[in-house]
Amino acid sequence: MCGPGSLQVLDVQGAELQVLRGMEVLLRGPVLQTAVIENSGAELYTGQALQAEVVSFMRSHGFHCVKDCACEF
C-alpha cells in the first residue's frame, strides 16, 4: 500500500510496460508522486518496451523525467 508522497522503483528486466499497465489505477491517482524506472533505449530482452515507449506511457499519466533520461525523442 502506498502512503502520501510515495515512491515506486521498477527494475523488472524488460517488463516495465506490463508492470506499469497493471498499476494504472495507482498511476492515475494522487498518491504516487515519484517513479524510478530502470529501462533501456536498446532492446536487451525479447519484446521489451524501449525507453521512448515507457517515457511516453508515463507522460500520458502526468509524470515527467527529471534526471538521467533521454526524454526528448
N, C-alpha and C. Protein backbone atom coordinates (compact mmCIF):
# COMPACT_ATOMS: atom_id res chain seq x y z
N MET A 1 0.86 -1.18 0.00
CA MET A 1 0.00 0.00 0.00
C MET A 1 0.90 1.23 0.00
N CYS A 2 0.51 2.21 -0.76
CA CYS A 2 1.29 3.45 -0.86
C CYS A 2 0.73 4.51 0.07
N GLY A 3 1.61 5.26 0.67
CA GLY A 3 1.22 6.36 1.52
C GLY A 3 1.50 7.68 0.83
N PRO A 4 1.22 8.80 1.48
CA PRO A 4 1.45 10.12 0.90
C PRO A 4 2.89 10.30 0.45
N GLY A 5 3.07 10.85 -0.73
CA GLY A 5 4.40 11.10 -1.26
C GLY A 5 5.15 9.83 -1.61
N SER A 6 4.45 8.81 -2.01
CA SER A 6 5.06 7.51 -2.24
C SER A 6 5.99 7.49 -3.45
N LEU A 7 6.96 6.61 -3.36
CA LEU A 7 7.96 6.38 -4.39
C LEU A 7 7.84 4.95 -4.86
N GLN A 8 7.88 4.75 -6.18
CA GLN A 8 7.85 3.41 -6.76
C GLN A 8 9.13 3.21 -7.54
N VAL A 9 9.82 2.10 -7.32
CA VAL A 9 11.05 1.78 -8.05
C VAL A 9 10.80 0.50 -8.84
N LEU A 10 11.10 0.57 -10.16
CA LEU A 10 10.93 -0.61 -11.02
C LEU A 10 12.25 -0.98 -11.67
N ASP A 11 12.62 -2.23 -11.58
CA ASP A 11 13.74 -2.82 -12.30
C ASP A 11 13.30 -4.24 -12.60
N VAL A 12 12.60 -4.39 -13.72
CA VAL A 12 11.90 -5.65 -13.99
C VAL A 12 12.34 -6.32 -15.29
N GLN A 13 13.57 -6.07 -15.67
CA GLN A 13 14.20 -6.79 -16.78
C GLN A 13 13.37 -6.82 -18.06
N GLY A 14 12.91 -5.66 -18.51
CA GLY A 14 12.21 -5.58 -19.78
C GLY A 14 10.70 -5.65 -19.71
N ALA A 15 10.14 -5.83 -18.54
CA ALA A 15 8.68 -5.94 -18.39
C ALA A 15 8.06 -4.66 -17.86
N GLU A 16 8.72 -3.52 -18.06
CA GLU A 16 8.26 -2.26 -17.48
C GLU A 16 6.82 -1.91 -17.89
N LEU A 17 6.52 -1.96 -19.18
CA LEU A 17 5.17 -1.57 -19.60
C LEU A 17 4.10 -2.52 -19.07
N GLN A 18 4.39 -3.78 -19.00
CA GLN A 18 3.42 -4.73 -18.44
C GLN A 18 3.14 -4.39 -16.98
N VAL A 19 4.18 -4.12 -16.21
CA VAL A 19 4.01 -3.77 -14.80
C VAL A 19 3.27 -2.44 -14.67
N LEU A 20 3.67 -1.45 -15.45
CA LEU A 20 3.02 -0.13 -15.38
C LEU A 20 1.55 -0.20 -15.78
N ARG A 21 1.23 -0.97 -16.80
CA ARG A 21 -0.17 -1.13 -17.19
C ARG A 21 -0.98 -1.79 -16.09
N GLY A 22 -0.35 -2.69 -15.36
CA GLY A 22 -1.02 -3.35 -14.25
C GLY A 22 -1.25 -2.45 -13.05
N MET A 23 -0.57 -1.31 -13.01
CA MET A 23 -0.73 -0.40 -11.88
C MET A 23 -1.29 0.96 -12.32
N GLU A 24 -2.05 0.97 -13.42
CA GLU A 24 -2.61 2.22 -13.94
C GLU A 24 -3.50 2.95 -12.94
N VAL A 25 -4.25 2.24 -12.13
CA VAL A 25 -5.11 2.90 -11.14
C VAL A 25 -4.24 3.73 -10.20
N LEU A 26 -3.13 3.17 -9.77
CA LEU A 26 -2.21 3.89 -8.90
C LEU A 26 -1.58 5.08 -9.62
N LEU A 27 -1.22 4.89 -10.89
CA LEU A 27 -0.61 5.98 -11.66
C LEU A 27 -1.57 7.15 -11.87
N ARG A 28 -2.85 6.88 -11.98
CA ARG A 28 -3.85 7.93 -12.20
C ARG A 28 -4.18 8.69 -10.92
N GLY A 29 -3.94 8.09 -9.78
CA GLY A 29 -4.31 8.69 -8.50
C GLY A 29 -3.27 9.68 -8.01
N PRO A 30 -3.58 10.36 -6.92
CA PRO A 30 -2.71 11.40 -6.39
C PRO A 30 -1.60 10.89 -5.47
N VAL A 31 -1.62 9.61 -5.12
CA VAL A 31 -0.72 9.11 -4.09
C VAL A 31 0.72 8.97 -4.58
N LEU A 32 0.91 8.35 -5.74
CA LEU A 32 2.24 8.11 -6.27
C LEU A 32 2.80 9.40 -6.85
N GLN A 33 3.89 9.89 -6.29
CA GLN A 33 4.48 11.14 -6.74
C GLN A 33 5.77 10.94 -7.53
N THR A 34 6.47 9.86 -7.28
CA THR A 34 7.76 9.64 -7.92
C THR A 34 7.90 8.18 -8.34
N ALA A 35 8.40 7.98 -9.55
CA ALA A 35 8.69 6.63 -10.02
C ALA A 35 10.11 6.62 -10.59
N VAL A 36 10.89 5.67 -10.15
CA VAL A 36 12.23 5.46 -10.68
C VAL A 36 12.17 4.18 -11.49
N ILE A 37 12.42 4.28 -12.79
CA ILE A 37 12.25 3.14 -13.68
C ILE A 37 13.56 2.88 -14.42
N GLU A 38 14.15 1.72 -14.19
CA GLU A 38 15.35 1.34 -14.90
C GLU A 38 14.90 0.73 -16.22
N ASN A 39 15.36 1.34 -17.33
CA ASN A 39 14.90 0.93 -18.65
C ASN A 39 15.99 1.22 -19.65
N SER A 40 15.94 0.59 -20.80
CA SER A 40 16.98 0.74 -21.82
C SER A 40 16.41 1.32 -23.11
N GLY A 41 17.26 2.04 -23.82
CA GLY A 41 16.91 2.55 -25.14
C GLY A 41 17.19 1.55 -26.24
N ALA A 42 17.88 0.47 -25.89
CA ALA A 42 18.18 -0.60 -26.83
C ALA A 42 17.56 -1.90 -26.32
N GLU A 43 17.13 -2.74 -27.24
CA GLU A 43 16.47 -3.98 -26.83
C GLU A 43 17.48 -4.96 -26.23
N LEU A 44 17.32 -5.22 -24.96
CA LEU A 44 18.16 -6.19 -24.24
C LEU A 44 17.43 -7.50 -24.01
N TYR A 45 16.09 -7.43 -24.01
CA TYR A 45 15.24 -8.59 -23.78
C TYR A 45 14.21 -8.66 -24.90
N THR A 46 13.94 -9.83 -25.40
CA THR A 46 13.00 -10.00 -26.50
C THR A 46 11.64 -9.40 -26.14
N GLY A 47 11.17 -8.49 -26.98
CA GLY A 47 9.85 -7.91 -26.79
C GLY A 47 9.74 -6.81 -25.76
N GLN A 48 10.85 -6.40 -25.17
CA GLN A 48 10.77 -5.35 -24.15
C GLN A 48 10.34 -4.02 -24.75
N ALA A 49 9.72 -3.18 -23.94
CA ALA A 49 9.40 -1.81 -24.34
C ALA A 49 10.68 -0.99 -24.19
N LEU A 50 10.95 -0.17 -25.18
CA LEU A 50 12.13 0.69 -25.12
C LEU A 50 11.83 1.95 -24.32
N GLN A 51 12.89 2.67 -23.97
CA GLN A 51 12.75 3.85 -23.11
C GLN A 51 11.73 4.84 -23.65
N ALA A 52 11.72 5.09 -24.96
CA ALA A 52 10.78 6.05 -25.53
C ALA A 52 9.34 5.65 -25.25
N GLU A 53 9.03 4.36 -25.31
CA GLU A 53 7.67 3.89 -25.04
C GLU A 53 7.30 4.05 -23.57
N VAL A 54 8.24 3.75 -22.69
CA VAL A 54 7.99 3.87 -21.26
C VAL A 54 7.81 5.34 -20.88
N VAL A 55 8.66 6.21 -21.42
CA VAL A 55 8.55 7.65 -21.13
C VAL A 55 7.21 8.17 -21.64
N SER A 56 6.82 7.79 -22.84
CA SER A 56 5.54 8.22 -23.39
C SER A 56 4.37 7.77 -22.51
N PHE A 57 4.41 6.53 -22.07
CA PHE A 57 3.36 5.99 -21.21
C PHE A 57 3.28 6.79 -19.90
N MET A 58 4.43 7.03 -19.28
CA MET A 58 4.44 7.76 -18.02
C MET A 58 3.97 9.21 -18.21
N ARG A 59 4.38 9.83 -19.29
CA ARG A 59 3.91 11.20 -19.58
C ARG A 59 2.40 11.23 -19.73
N SER A 60 1.84 10.19 -20.34
CA SER A 60 0.39 10.16 -20.53
C SER A 60 -0.36 10.05 -19.20
N HIS A 61 0.38 9.72 -18.15
CA HIS A 61 -0.19 9.63 -16.81
C HIS A 61 0.26 10.79 -15.92
N GLY A 62 0.81 11.84 -16.53
CA GLY A 62 1.15 13.05 -15.79
C GLY A 62 2.54 13.10 -15.18
N PHE A 63 3.39 12.13 -15.48
CA PHE A 63 4.74 12.12 -14.95
C PHE A 63 5.69 12.77 -15.95
N HIS A 64 6.87 13.16 -15.48
CA HIS A 64 7.89 13.70 -16.37
C HIS A 64 9.27 13.27 -15.89
N CYS A 65 10.23 13.31 -16.81
CA CYS A 65 11.61 12.95 -16.49
C CYS A 65 12.29 14.11 -15.78
N VAL A 66 13.10 13.78 -14.80
CA VAL A 66 13.84 14.83 -14.10
C VAL A 66 15.34 14.63 -14.14
N LYS A 67 15.82 13.41 -14.39
CA LYS A 67 17.26 13.18 -14.37
C LYS A 67 17.60 11.89 -15.12
N ASP A 68 18.77 11.93 -15.76
CA ASP A 68 19.32 10.72 -16.40
C ASP A 68 18.34 10.04 -17.35
N CYS A 69 17.69 10.84 -18.14
CA CYS A 69 16.70 10.28 -19.07
C CYS A 69 16.80 11.00 -20.39
N ALA A 70 16.90 10.25 -21.45
CA ALA A 70 16.87 10.83 -22.78
C ALA A 70 15.41 11.09 -23.13
N CYS A 71 14.86 12.13 -22.54
CA CYS A 71 13.41 12.36 -22.61
C CYS A 71 12.92 12.92 -23.93
N GLU A 72 13.77 13.48 -24.71
CA GLU A 72 13.33 14.07 -25.98
C GLU A 72 13.57 13.05 -27.11
N PHE A 73 12.49 12.58 -27.70
CA PHE A 73 12.58 11.59 -28.74
C PHE A 73 12.04 12.15 -30.03
